[in-house]
Amino acid sequence: MAQRIRKGDTVVVLRGREKGKTGEVIRVIKEENRVIVKDVNLVKKHVKEIPNVREGGIYEIEAPLHISNVMLICPKCGKPTRVGIRTLMEGDTLRKYRYCKKCNENIDLIREKARVKR
């Protein structure tokens, strides 16, 4: 199944204590259906010193959010939107696109597959 939210997307948080904040997706954890968003859902982590590697202390890191609690902001219309998958046949090539369900514009190409003529 194609992913609706990918690394590098700008998203808005829909639920939780960080509701309303926007940020860029740093990482998608596909197995757990979670995303890590830059400067959102910060938690404090106590880290032990490792000599010649890092200093010990209390660090703030981004914690994962469930993917259902974020919504993609369309790069074309700038509004939070649901994402659909569109399959188009262009010549002899099959292409899959993500598209915005509000403005009906293609966001980006997911996959391109050449078809064999018989």
PDB file of N, CA and C in Angstrom:
ATOM      1  N   MET A   1       0.838  -1.183   0.000  1.00  0.00           N
ATOM      2  CA  MET A   1       0.000   0.000   0.000  1.00  0.00           C
ATOM      3  C   MET A   1       0.885   1.249   0.000  1.00  0.00           C
ATOM      4  N   ALA A   2       0.530   2.211  -0.817  1.00  0.00           N
ATOM      5  CA  ALA A   2       1.308   3.440  -0.911  1.00  0.00           C
ATOM      6  C   ALA A   2       1.102   4.287   0.338  1.00  0.00           C
ATOM      7  N   GLN A   3       2.151   4.988   0.725  1.00  0.00           N
ATOM      8  CA  GLN A   3       2.069   5.808   1.921  1.00  0.00           C
ATOM      9  C   GLN A   3       1.462   7.156   1.613  1.00  0.00           C
ATOM     10  N   ARG A   4       0.582   7.602   2.475  1.00  0.00           N
ATOM     11  CA  ARG A   4      -0.084   8.883   2.309  1.00  0.00           C
ATOM     12  C   ARG A   4       0.800  10.031   2.796  1.00  0.00           C
ATOM     13  N   ILE A   5       1.617   9.780   3.821  1.00  0.00           N
ATOM     14  CA  ILE A   5       2.518  10.796   4.366  1.00  0.00           C
ATOM     15  C   ILE A   5       3.938  10.276   4.259  1.00  0.00           C
ATOM     16  N   ARG A   6       4.835  11.124   3.740  1.00  0.00           N
ATOM     17  CA  ARG A   6       6.201  10.711   3.499  1.00  0.00           C
ATOM     18  C   ARG A   6       7.177  11.698   4.132  1.00  0.00           C
ATOM     19  N   LYS A   7       8.435  11.288   4.210  1.00  0.00           N
ATOM     20  CA  LYS A   7       9.494  12.143   4.738  1.00  0.00           C
ATOM     21  C   LYS A   7       9.583  13.416   3.898  1.00  0.00           C
ATOM     22  N   GLY A   8       9.678  14.565   4.591  1.00  0.00           N
ATOM     23  CA  GLY A   8       9.785  15.835   3.894  1.00  0.00           C
ATOM     24  C   GLY A   8       8.465  16.575   3.731  1.00  0.00           C
ATOM     25  N   ASP A   9       7.339  15.905   3.987  1.00  0.00           N
ATOM     26  CA  ASP A   9       6.021  16.548   3.898  1.00  0.00           C
ATOM     27  C   ASP A   9       5.823  17.521   5.052  1.00  0.00           C
ATOM     28  N   THR A  10       5.042  18.567   4.819  1.00  0.00           N
ATOM     29  CA  THR A  10       4.636  19.476   5.882  1.00  0.00           C
ATOM     30  C   THR A  10       3.272  19.023   6.367  1.00  0.00           C
ATOM     31  N   VAL A  11       3.145  18.828   7.688  1.00  0.00           N
ATOM     32  CA  VAL A  11       1.903  18.319   8.262  1.00  0.00           C
ATOM     33  C   VAL A  11       1.439  19.213   9.405  1.00  0.00           C
ATOM     34  N   VAL A  12       0.147  19.098   9.736  1.00  0.00           N
ATOM     35  CA  VAL A  12      -0.426  19.781  10.892  1.00  0.00           C
ATOM     36  C   VAL A  12      -0.917  18.706  11.852  1.00  0.00           C
ATOM     37  N   VAL A  13      -0.734  18.922  13.163  1.00  0.00           N
ATOM     38  CA  VAL A  13      -1.154  17.960  14.181  1.00  0.00           C
ATOM     39  C   VAL A  13      -2.629  18.204  14.493  1.00  0.00           C
ATOM     40  N   LEU A  14      -3.432  17.134  14.487  1.00  0.00           N
ATOM     41  CA  LEU A  14      -4.875  17.237  14.682  1.00  0.00           C
ATOM     42  C   LEU A  14      -5.318  16.993  16.114  1.00  0.00           C
ATOM     43  N   ARG A  15      -4.600  16.163  16.857  1.00  0.00           N
ATOM     44  CA  ARG A  15      -5.018  15.785  18.206  1.00  0.00           C
ATOM     45  C   ARG A  15      -3.839  15.789  19.164  1.00  0.00           C
ATOM     46  N   GLY A  16      -4.171  15.868  20.454  1.00  0.00           N
ATOM     47  CA  GLY A  16      -3.141  15.795  21.486  1.00  0.00           C
ATOM     48  C   GLY A  16      -2.729  17.173  21.973  1.00  0.00           C
ATOM     49  N   ARG A  17      -1.722  17.189  22.822  1.00  0.00           N
ATOM     50  CA  ARG A  17      -1.294  18.450  23.430  1.00  0.00           C
ATOM     51  C   ARG A  17      -0.611  19.373  22.429  1.00  0.00           C
ATOM     52  N   GLU A  18      -0.183  18.856  21.302  1.00  0.00           N
ATOM     53  CA  GLU A  18       0.484  19.646  20.266  1.00  0.00           C
ATOM     54  C   GLU A  18      -0.471  20.048  19.145  1.00  0.00           C
ATOM     55  N   LYS A  19      -1.772  19.964  19.378  1.00  0.00           N
ATOM     56  CA  LYS A  19      -2.789  20.239  18.369  1.00  0.00           C
ATOM     57  C   LYS A  19      -2.607  21.623  17.757  1.00  0.00           C
ATOM     58  N   GLY A  20      -2.644  21.664  16.416  1.00  0.00           N
ATOM     59  CA  GLY A  20      -2.537  22.932  15.704  1.00  0.00           C
ATOM     60  C   GLY A  20      -1.136  23.274  15.241  1.00  0.00           C
ATOM     61  N   LYS A  21      -0.113  22.609  15.769  1.00  0.00           N
ATOM     62  CA  LYS A  21       1.260  22.904  15.366  1.00  0.00           C
ATOM     63  C   LYS A  21       1.557  22.266  14.009  1.00  0.00           C
ATOM     64  N   THR A  22       2.423  22.918  13.250  1.00  0.00           N
ATOM     65  CA  THR A  22       2.833  22.379  11.955  1.00  0.00           C
ATOM     66  C   THR A  22       4.336  22.140  11.967  1.00  0.00           C
ATOM     67  N   GLY A  23       4.766  21.235  11.115  1.00  0.00           N
ATOM     68  CA  GLY A  23       6.187  20.937  11.006  1.00  0.00           C
ATOM     69  C   GLY A  23       6.458  19.976   9.872  1.00  0.00           C
ATOM     70  N   GLU A  24       7.732  19.753   9.625  1.00  0.00           N
ATOM     71  CA  GLU A  24       8.162  18.864   8.553  1.00  0.00           C
ATOM     72  C   GLU A  24       8.395  17.463   9.106  1.00  0.00           C
ATOM     73  N   VAL A  25       7.985  16.459   8.348  1.00  0.00           N
ATOM     74  CA  VAL A  25       8.185  15.064   8.754  1.00  0.00           C
ATOM     75  C   VAL A  25       9.659  14.720   8.579  1.00  0.00           C
ATOM     76  N   ILE A  26      10.291  14.305   9.691  1.00  0.00           N
ATOM     77  CA  ILE A  26      11.703  13.925   9.670  1.00  0.00           C
ATOM     78  C   ILE A  26      11.849  12.448   9.312  1.00  0.00           C
ATOM     79  N   ARG A  27      10.951  11.637   9.860  1.00  0.00           N
ATOM     80  CA  ARG A  27      11.063  10.184   9.707  1.00  0.00           C
ATOM     81  C   ARG A  27       9.684   9.543   9.785  1.00  0.00           C
ATOM     82  N   VAL A  28       9.468   8.505   8.991  1.00  0.00           N
ATOM     83  CA  VAL A  28       8.236   7.722   9.040  1.00  0.00           C
ATOM     84  C   VAL A  28       8.601   6.333   9.532  1.00  0.00           C
ATOM     85  N   ILE A  29       7.931   5.887  10.602  1.00  0.00           N
ATOM     86  CA  ILE A  29       8.152   4.541  11.132  1.00  0.00           C
ATOM     87  C   ILE A  29       6.983   3.691  10.647  1.00  0.00           C
ATOM     88  N   LYS A  30       7.173   3.046   9.513  1.00  0.00           N
ATOM     89  CA  LYS A  30       6.090   2.342   8.811  1.00  0.00           C
ATOM     90  C   LYS A  30       5.504   1.192   9.627  1.00  0.00           C
ATOM     91  N   GLU A  31       6.359   0.444  10.326  1.00  0.00           N
ATOM     92  CA  GLU A  31       5.907  -0.735  11.073  1.00  0.00           C
ATOM     93  C   GLU A  31       4.956  -0.362  12.205  1.00  0.00           C
ATOM     94  N   GLU A  32       5.140   0.824  12.790  1.00  0.00           N
ATOM     95  CA  GLU A  32       4.335   1.252  13.935  1.00  0.00           C
ATOM     96  C   GLU A  32       3.297   2.304  13.563  1.00  0.00           C
ATOM     97  N   ASN A  33       3.203   2.672  12.264  1.00  0.00           N
ATOM     98  CA  ASN A  33       2.288   3.713  11.788  1.00  0.00           C
ATOM     99  C   ASN A  33       2.496   5.025  12.538  1.00  0.00           C
ATOM    100  N   ARG A  34       3.749   5.443  12.672  1.00  0.00           N
ATOM    101  CA  ARG A  34       4.069   6.669  13.399  1.00  0.00           C
ATOM    102  C   ARG A  34       4.989   7.557  12.563  1.00  0.00           C
ATOM    103  N   VAL A  35       4.951   8.853  12.869  1.00  0.00           N
ATOM    104  CA  VAL A  35       5.826   9.818  12.215  1.00  0.00           C
ATOM    105  C   VAL A  35       6.506  10.680  13.267  1.00  0.00           C
ATOM    106  N   ILE A  36       7.695  11.160  12.942  1.00  0.00           N
ATOM    107  CA  ILE A  36       8.406  12.099  13.805  1.00  0.00           C
ATOM    108  C   ILE A  36       8.430  13.430  13.067  1.00  0.00           C
ATOM    109  N   VAL A  37       7.893  14.480  13.727  1.00  0.00           N
ATOM    110  CA  VAL A  37       7.761  15.798  13.122  1.00  0.00           C
ATOM    111  C   VAL A  37       8.738  16.749  13.810  1.00  0.00           C
ATOM    112  N   LYS A  38       9.450  17.542  13.020  1.00  0.00           N
ATOM    113  CA  LYS A  38      10.473  18.453  13.536  1.00  0.00           C
ATOM    114  C   LYS A  38       9.863  19.496  14.477  1.00  0.00           C
ATOM    115  N   ASP A  39      10.450  19.624  15.676  1.00  0.00           N
ATOM    116  CA  ASP A  39      10.061  20.594  16.711  1.00  0.00           C
ATOM    117  C   ASP A  39       8.622  20.434  17.203  1.00  0.00           C
ATOM    118  N   VAL A  40       8.061  19.242  17.101  1.00  0.00           N
ATOM    119  CA  VAL A  40       6.716  18.957  17.614  1.00  0.00           C
ATOM    120  C   VAL A  40       6.809  17.728  18.517  1.00  0.00           C
ATOM    121  N   ASN A  41       6.035  17.715  19.614  1.00  0.00           N
ATOM    122  CA  ASN A  41       5.990  16.605  20.562  1.00  0.00           C
ATOM    123  C   ASN A  41       7.360  16.365  21.205  1.00  0.00           C
ATOM    124  N   LEU A  42       7.959  17.438  21.705  1.00  0.00           N
ATOM    125  CA  LEU A  42       9.279  17.347  22.335  1.00  0.00           C
ATOM    126  C   LEU A  42       9.166  16.739  23.733  1.00  0.00           C
ATOM    127  N   VAL A  43      10.056  15.809  24.037  1.00  0.00           N
ATOM    128  CA  VAL A  43      10.124  15.189  25.355  1.00  0.00           C
ATOM    129  C   VAL A  43      11.563  15.298  25.855  1.00  0.00           C
ATOM    130  N   LYS A  44      11.729  15.244  27.169  1.00  0.00           N
ATOM    131  CA  LYS A  44      13.073  15.320  27.754  1.00  0.00           C
ATOM    132  C   LYS A  44      13.605  13.918  27.985  1.00  0.00           C
ATOM    133  N   LYS A  45      14.850  13.707  27.585  1.00  0.00           N
ATOM    134  CA  LYS A  45      15.481  12.403  27.740  1.00  0.00           C
ATOM    135  C   LYS A  45      16.772  12.575  28.518  1.00  0.00           C
ATOM    136  N   HIS A  46      16.923  11.788  29.580  1.00  0.00           N
ATOM    137  CA  HIS A  46      18.138  11.814  30.380  1.00  0.00           C
ATOM    138  C   HIS A  46      19.162  10.885  29.727  1.00  0.00           C
ATOM    139  N   VAL A  47      20.308  11.456  29.385  1.00  0.00           N
ATOM    140  CA  VAL A  47      21.315  10.709  28.643  1.00  0.00           C
ATOM    141  C   VAL A  47      22.590  10.620  29.465  1.00  0.00           C
ATOM    142  N   LYS A  48      23.136   9.412  29.567  1.00  0.00           N
ATOM    143  CA  LYS A  48      24.377   9.182  30.297  1.00  0.00           C
ATOM    144  C   LYS A  48      25.563   9.540  29.406  1.00  0.00           C
ATOM    145  N   GLU A  49      26.607  10.066  30.018  1.00  0.00           N
ATOM    146  CA  GLU A  49      27.796  10.445  29.269  1.00  0.00           C
ATOM    147  C   GLU A  49      28.534   9.208  28.770  1.00  0.00           C
ATOM    148  N   ILE A  50      29.044   9.297  27.548  1.00  0.00           N
ATOM    149  CA  ILE A  50      29.945   8.285  27.003  1.00  0.00           C
ATOM    150  C   ILE A  50      31.238   9.032  26.686  1.00  0.00           C
ATOM    151  N   PRO A  51      32.310   8.709  27.392  1.00  0.00           N
ATOM    152  CA  PRO A  51      33.560   9.453  27.206  1.00  0.00           C
ATOM    153  C   PRO A  51      34.017   9.465  25.748  1.00  0.00           C
ATOM    154  N   ASN A  52      34.458  10.633  25.289  1.00  0.00           N
ATOM    155  CA  ASN A  52      34.950  10.855  23.926  1.00  0.00           C
ATOM    156  C   ASN A  52      33.883  10.673  22.842  1.00  0.00           C
ATOM    157  N   VAL A  53      32.602  10.532  23.229  1.00  0.00           N
ATOM    158  CA  VAL A  53      31.530  10.390  22.241  1.00  0.00           C
ATOM    159  C   VAL A  53      30.499  11.496  22.411  1.00  0.00           C
ATOM    160  N   ARG A  54      29.909  11.597  23.617  1.00  0.00           N
ATOM    161  CA  ARG A  54      28.904  12.627  23.868  1.00  0.00           C
ATOM    162  C   ARG A  54      28.883  13.005  25.337  1.00  0.00           C
ATOM    163  N   GLU A  55      28.349  14.194  25.593  1.00  0.00           N
ATOM    164  CA  GLU A  55      28.187  14.653  26.961  1.00  0.00           C
ATOM    165  C   GLU A  55      26.876  14.134  27.518  1.00  0.00           C
ATOM    166  N   GLY A  56      26.869  13.921  28.829  1.00  0.00           N
ATOM    167  CA  GLY A  56      25.628  13.531  29.480  1.00  0.00           C
ATOM    168  C   GLY A  56      24.768  14.750  29.737  1.00  0.00           C
ATOM    169  N   GLY A  57      23.515  14.521  30.088  1.00  0.00           N
ATOM    170  CA  GLY A  57      22.633  15.637  30.398  1.00  0.00           C
ATOM    171  C   GLY A  57      21.194  15.324  30.035  1.00  0.00           C
ATOM    172  N   ILE A  58      20.390  16.365  30.025  1.00  0.00           N
ATOM    173  CA  ILE A  58      18.985  16.231  29.674  1.00  0.00           C
ATOM    174  C   ILE A  58      18.796  16.846  28.297  1.00  0.00           C
ATOM    175  N   TYR A  59      18.402  16.023  27.333  1.00  0.00           N
ATOM    176  CA  TYR A  59      18.214  16.452  25.961  1.00  0.00           C
ATOM    177  C   TYR A  59      16.727  16.485  25.629  1.00  0.00           C
ATOM    178  N   GLU A  60      16.336  17.412  24.751  1.00  0.00           N
ATOM    179  CA  GLU A  60      14.967  17.434  24.240  1.00  0.00           C
ATOM    180  C   GLU A  60      14.980  16.801  22.861  1.00  0.00           C
ATOM    181  N   ILE A  61      14.156  15.767  22.681  1.00  0.00           N
ATOM    182  CA  ILE A  61      14.068  15.091  21.392  1.00  0.00           C
ATOM    183  C   ILE A  61      12.608  15.027  20.957  1.00  0.00           C
ATOM    184  N   GLU A  62      12.382  14.820  19.660  1.00  0.00           N
ATOM    185  CA  GLU A  62      11.027  14.674  19.142  1.00  0.00           C
ATOM    186  C   GLU A  62      10.558  13.242  19.350  1.00  0.00           C
ATOM    187  N   ALA A  63       9.368  13.084  19.917  1.00  0.00           N
ATOM    188  CA  ALA A  63       8.785  11.761  20.105  1.00  0.00           C
ATOM    189  C   ALA A  63       7.835  11.482  18.933  1.00  0.00           C
ATOM    190  N   PRO A  64       7.628  10.202  18.589  1.00  0.00           N
ATOM    191  CA  PRO A  64       6.741   9.877  17.472  1.00  0.00           C
ATOM    192  C   PRO A  64       5.274  10.185  17.777  1.00  0.00           C
ATOM    193  N   LEU A  65       4.551  10.539  16.724  1.00  0.00           N
ATOM    194  CA  LEU A  65       3.098  10.733  16.774  1.00  0.00           C
ATOM    195  C   LEU A  65       2.460   9.666  15.900  1.00  0.00           C
ATOM    196  N   HIS A  66       1.239   9.259  16.237  1.00  0.00           N
ATOM    197  CA  HIS A  66       0.542   8.308  15.372  1.00  0.00           C
ATOM    198  C   HIS A  66       0.166   9.007  14.076  1.00  0.00           C
ATOM    199  N   ILE A  67       0.274   8.288  12.981  1.00  0.00           N
ATOM    200  CA  ILE A  67       0.069   8.869  11.654  1.00  0.00           C
ATOM    201  C   ILE A  67      -1.363   9.368  11.456  1.00  0.00           C
ATOM    202  N   SER A  68      -2.320   8.818  12.225  1.00  0.00           N
ATOM    203  CA  SER A  68      -3.716   9.259  12.102  1.00  0.00           C
ATOM    204  C   SER A  68      -3.947  10.607  12.770  1.00  0.00           C
ATOM    205  N   ASN A  69      -2.991  11.068  13.573  1.00  0.00           N
ATOM    206  CA  ASN A  69      -3.130  12.340  14.271  1.00  0.00           C
ATOM    207  C   ASN A  69      -2.491  13.512  13.529  1.00  0.00           C
ATOM    208  N   VAL A  70      -2.008  13.272  12.321  1.00  0.00           N
ATOM    209  CA  VAL A  70      -1.449  14.351  11.511  1.00  0.00           C
ATOM    210  C   VAL A  70      -2.137  14.360  10.148  1.00  0.00           C
ATOM    211  N   MET A  71      -2.161  15.552   9.520  1.00  0.00           N
ATOM    212  CA  MET A  71      -2.766  15.691   8.199  1.00  0.00           C
ATOM    213  C   MET A  71      -1.821  16.502   7.323  1.00  0.00           C
ATOM    214  N   LEU A  72      -1.675  16.051   6.088  1.00  0.00           N
ATOM    215  CA  LEU A  72      -0.789  16.700   5.129  1.00  0.00           C
ATOM    216  C   LEU A  72      -1.304  18.089   4.762  1.00  0.00           C
ATOM    217  N   ILE A  73      -0.389  19.054   4.666  1.00  0.00           N
ATOM    218  CA  ILE A  73      -0.730  20.376   4.145  1.00  0.00           C
ATOM    219  C   ILE A  73      -0.344  20.368   2.677  1.00  0.00           C
ATOM    220  N   CYS A  74      -1.332  20.587   1.823  1.00  0.00           N
ATOM    221  CA  CYS A  74      -1.120  20.545   0.370  1.00  0.00           C
ATOM    222  C   CYS A  74      -0.143  21.634  -0.056  1.00  0.00           C
ATOM    223  N   PRO A  75       0.906  21.293  -0.824  1.00  0.00           N
ATOM    224  CA  PRO A  75       1.851  22.308  -1.273  1.00  0.00           C
ATOM    225  C   PRO A  75       1.248  23.271  -2.302  1.00  0.00           C
ATOM    226  N   LYS A  76       0.172  22.864  -2.977  1.00  0.00           N
ATOM    227  CA  LYS A  76      -0.445  23.712  -4.006  1.00  0.00           C
ATOM    228  C   LYS A  76      -1.421  24.723  -3.402  1.00  0.00           C
ATOM    229  N   CYS A  77      -2.378  24.235  -2.571  1.00  0.00           N
ATOM    230  CA  CYS A  77      -3.410  25.137  -2.033  1.00  0.00           C
ATOM    231  C   CYS A  77      -3.122  25.594  -0.608  1.00  0.00           C
ATOM    232  N   GLY A  78      -2.176  24.958   0.093  1.00  0.00           N
ATOM    233  CA  GLY A  78      -1.770  25.391   1.426  1.00  0.00           C
ATOM    234  C   GLY A  78      -2.737  25.036   2.538  1.00  0.00           C
ATOM    235  N   LYS A  79      -3.693  24.140   2.288  1.00  0.00           N
ATOM    236  CA  LYS A  79      -4.681  23.755   3.294  1.00  0.00           C
ATOM    237  C   LYS A  79      -4.450  22.310   3.737  1.00  0.00           C
ATOM    238  N   PRO A  80      -4.828  21.976   4.990  1.00  0.00           N
ATOM    239  CA  PRO A  80      -4.762  20.577   5.415  1.00  0.00           C
ATOM    240  C   PRO A  80      -5.741  19.757   4.586  1.00  0.00           C
ATOM    241  N   THR A  81      -5.309  18.599   4.132  1.00  0.00           N
ATOM    242  CA  THR A  81      -6.132  17.816   3.226  1.00  0.00           C
ATOM    243  C   THR A  81      -5.916  16.321   3.403  1.00  0.00           C
ATOM    244  N   ARG A  82      -6.918  15.566   2.983  1.00  0.00           N
ATOM    245  CA  ARG A  82      -6.739  14.129   2.881  1.00  0.00           C
ATOM    246  C   ARG A  82      -5.994  13.854   1.582  1.00  0.00           C
ATOM    247  N   VAL A  83      -5.338  12.704   1.514  1.00  0.00           N
ATOM    248  CA  VAL A  83      -4.515  12.375   0.359  1.00  0.00           C
ATOM    249  C   VAL A  83      -5.096  11.146  -0.326  1.00  0.00           C
ATOM    250  N   GLY A  84      -5.197  11.213  -1.648  1.00  0.00           N
ATOM    251  CA  GLY A  84      -5.661  10.079  -2.433  1.00  0.00           C
ATOM    252  C   GLY A  84      -4.540   9.577  -3.327  1.00  0.00           C
ATOM    253  N   ILE A  85      -4.745   8.396  -3.887  1.00  0.00           N
ATOM    254  CA  ILE A  85      -3.791   7.804  -4.818  1.00  0.00           C
ATOM    255  C   ILE A  85      -4.474   7.704  -6.179  1.00  0.00           C
ATOM    256  N   ARG A  86      -3.811   8.206  -7.210  1.00  0.00           N
ATOM    257  CA  ARG A  86      -4.361   8.209  -8.561  1.00  0.00           C
ATOM    258  C   ARG A  86      -3.405   7.445  -9.470  1.00  0.00           C
ATOM    259  N   THR A  87      -3.943   6.521 -10.268  1.00  0.00           N
ATOM    260  CA  THR A  87      -3.146   5.756 -11.215  1.00  0.00           C
ATOM    261  C   THR A  87      -3.471   6.238 -12.623  1.00  0.00           C
ATOM    262  N   LEU A  88      -2.449   6.652 -13.362  1.00  0.00           N
ATOM    263  CA  LEU A  88      -2.631   7.158 -14.715  1.00  0.00           C
ATOM    264  C   LEU A  88      -1.769   6.373 -15.691  1.00  0.00           C
ATOM    265  N   MET A  89      -2.318   6.148 -16.875  1.00  0.00           N
ATOM    266  CA  MET A  89      -1.586   5.493 -17.946  1.00  0.00           C
ATOM    267  C   MET A  89      -1.127   6.577 -18.909  1.00  0.00           C
ATOM    268  N   GLU A  90       0.169   6.834 -18.959  1.00  0.00           N
ATOM    269  CA  GLU A  90       0.725   7.850 -19.845  1.00  0.00           C
ATOM    270  C   GLU A  90       1.607   7.162 -20.871  1.00  0.00           C
ATOM    271  N   GLY A  91       1.083   7.040 -22.084  1.00  0.00           N
ATOM    272  CA  GLY A  91       1.795   6.292 -23.121  1.00  0.00           C
ATOM    273  C   GLY A  91       1.814   4.820 -22.757  1.00  0.00           C
ATOM    274  N   ASP A  92       3.004   4.228 -22.687  1.00  0.00           N
ATOM    275  CA  ASP A  92       3.118   2.825 -22.282  1.00  0.00           C
ATOM    276  C   ASP A  92       3.636   2.707 -20.847  1.00  0.00           C
ATOM    277  N   THR A  93       3.536   3.799 -20.065  1.00  0.00           N
ATOM    278  CA  THR A  93       4.025   3.820 -18.692  1.00  0.00           C
ATOM    279  C   THR A  93       2.874   4.015 -17.718  1.00  0.00           C
ATOM    280  N   LEU A  94       2.862   3.201 -16.664  1.00  0.00           N
ATOM    281  CA  LEU A  94       1.859   3.298 -15.613  1.00  0.00           C
ATOM    282  C   LEU A  94       2.461   4.116 -14.472  1.00  0.00           C
ATOM    283  N   ARG A  95       1.792   5.229 -14.101  1.00  0.00           N
ATOM    284  CA  ARG A  95       2.310   6.100 -13.049  1.00  0.00           C
ATOM    285  C   ARG A  95       1.292   6.246 -11.930  1.00  0.00           C
ATOM    286  N   LYS A  96       1.796   6.238 -10.683  1.00  0.00           N
ATOM    287  CA  LYS A  96       0.957   6.444  -9.509  1.00  0.00           C
ATOM    288  C   LYS A  96       1.319   7.775  -8.883  1.00  0.00           C
ATOM    289  N   TYR A  97       0.289   8.582  -8.577  1.00  0.00           N
ATOM    290  CA  TYR A  97       0.482   9.895  -7.977  1.00  0.00           C
ATOM    291  C   TYR A  97      -0.269   9.992  -6.661  1.00  0.00           C
ATOM    292  N   ARG A  98       0.258  10.803  -5.731  1.00  0.00           N
ATOM    293  CA  ARG A  98      -0.524  11.238  -4.577  1.00  0.00           C
ATOM    294  C   ARG A  98      -1.214  12.524  -5.013  1.00  0.00           C
ATOM    295  N   TYR A  99      -2.485  12.710  -4.603  1.00  0.00           N
ATOM    296  CA  TYR A  99      -3.168  13.944  -4.964  1.00  0.00           C
ATOM    297  C   TYR A  99      -3.972  14.500  -3.804  1.00  0.00           C
ATOM    298  N   CYS A 100      -4.161  15.822  -3.835  1.00  0.00           N
ATOM    299  CA  CYS A 100      -4.913  16.547  -2.817  1.00  0.00           C
ATOM    300  C   CYS A 100      -6.402  16.379  -3.101  1.00  0.00           C
ATOM    301  N   LYS A 101      -7.167  15.982  -2.090  1.00  0.00           N
ATOM    302  CA  LYS A 101      -8.593  15.784  -2.293  1.00  0.00           C
ATOM    303  C   LYS A 101      -9.388  17.087  -2.231  1.00  0.00           C
ATOM    304  N   LYS A 102      -8.737  18.209  -1.844  1.00  0.00           N
ATOM    305  CA  LYS A 102      -9.430  19.504  -1.832  1.00  0.00           C
ATOM    306  C   LYS A 102      -9.316  20.201  -3.180  1.00  0.00           C
ATOM    307  N   CYS A 103      -8.080  20.332  -3.677  1.00  0.00           N
ATOM    308  CA  CYS A 103      -7.888  21.057  -4.936  1.00  0.00           C
ATOM    309  C   CYS A 103      -7.740  20.113  -6.134  1.00  0.00           C
ATOM    310  N   ASN A 104      -7.703  18.808  -5.888  1.00  0.00           N
ATOM    311  CA  ASN A 104      -7.644  17.778  -6.937  1.00  0.00           C
ATOM    312  C   ASN A 104      -6.381  17.879  -7.802  1.00  0.00           C
ATOM    313  N   GLU A 105      -5.286  18.395  -7.235  1.00  0.00           N
ATOM    314  CA  GLU A 105      -4.015  18.516  -7.943  1.00  0.00           C
ATOM    315  C   GLU A 105      -3.057  17.415  -7.500  1.00  0.00           C
ATOM    316  N   ASN A 106      -2.223  16.939  -8.428  1.00  0.00           N
ATOM    317  CA  ASN A 106      -1.215  15.944  -8.094  1.00  0.00           C
ATOM    318  C   ASN A 106      -0.155  16.567  -7.192  1.00  0.00           C
ATOM    319  N   ILE A 107       0.213  15.834  -6.126  1.00  0.00           N
ATOM    320  CA  ILE A 107       1.248  16.301  -5.209  1.00  0.00           C
ATOM    321  C   ILE A 107       2.613  15.845  -5.703  1.00  0.00           C
ATOM    322  N   ASP A 108       2.770  14.544  -5.882  1.00  0.00           N
ATOM    323  CA  ASP A 108       4.030  14.022  -6.408  1.00  0.00           C
ATOM    324  C   ASP A 108       3.845  12.618  -6.953  1.00  0.00           C
ATOM    325  N   LEU A 109       4.872  12.157  -7.662  1.00  0.00           N
ATOM    326  CA  LEU A 109       4.879  10.835  -8.265  1.00  0.00           C
ATOM    327  C   LEU A 109       5.348   9.822  -7.232  1.00  0.00           C
ATOM    328  N   ILE A 110       4.578   8.732  -7.065  1.00  0.00           N
ATOM    329  CA  ILE A 110       4.962   7.680  -6.116  1.00  0.00           C
ATOM    330  C   ILE A 110       5.805   6.632  -6.818  1.00  0.00           C
ATOM    331  N   ARG A 111       5.259   6.113  -7.926  1.00  0.00           N
ATOM    332  CA  ARG A 111       5.929   5.009  -8.599  1.00  0.00           C
ATOM    333  C   ARG A 111       5.690   5.091 -10.100  1.00  0.00           C
ATOM    334  N   GLU A 112       6.681   4.652 -10.852  1.00  0.00           N
ATOM    335  CA  GLU A 112       6.577   4.614 -12.300  1.00  0.00           C
ATOM    336  C   GLU A 112       6.937   3.205 -12.747  1.00  0.00           C
ATOM    337  N   LYS A 113       6.095   2.631 -13.578  1.00  0.00           N
ATOM    338  CA  LYS A 113       6.321   1.255 -13.997  1.00  0.00           C
ATOM    339  C   LYS A 113       6.103   1.154 -15.500  1.00  0.00           C
ATOM    340  N   ALA A 114       7.125   0.688 -16.215  1.00  0.00           N
ATOM    341  CA  ALA A 114       7.003   0.514 -17.654  1.00  0.00           C
ATOM    342  C   ALA A 114       6.216  -0.739 -17.961  1.00  0.00           C
ATOM    343  N   ARG A 115       5.307  -0.629 -18.923  1.00  0.00           N
ATOM    344  CA  ARG A 115       4.487  -1.784 -19.330  1.00  0.00           C
ATOM    345  C   ARG A 115       5.085  -2.419 -20.571  1.00  0.00           C
ATOM    346  N   VAL A 116       4.953  -3.730 -20.631  1.00  0.00           N
ATOM    347  CA  VAL A 116       5.486  -4.476 -21.771  1.00  0.00           C
ATOM    348  C   VAL A 116       4.374  -4.656 -22.791  1.00  0.00           C
ATOM    349  N   LYS A 117       4.655  -4.303 -24.066  1.00  0.00           N
ATOM    350  CA  LYS A 117       3.678  -4.488 -25.131  1.00  0.00           C
ATOM    351  C   LYS A 117       3.736  -5.925 -25.621  1.00  0.00           C
ATOM    352  N   ARG A 118       2.573  -6.486 -25.895  1.00  0.00           N
ATOM    353  CA  ARG A 118       2.532  -7.881 -26.415  1.00  0.00           C
ATOM    354  C   ARG A 118       2.171  -7.909 -27.856  1.00  0.00           C
TER     355      ARG A 118
END
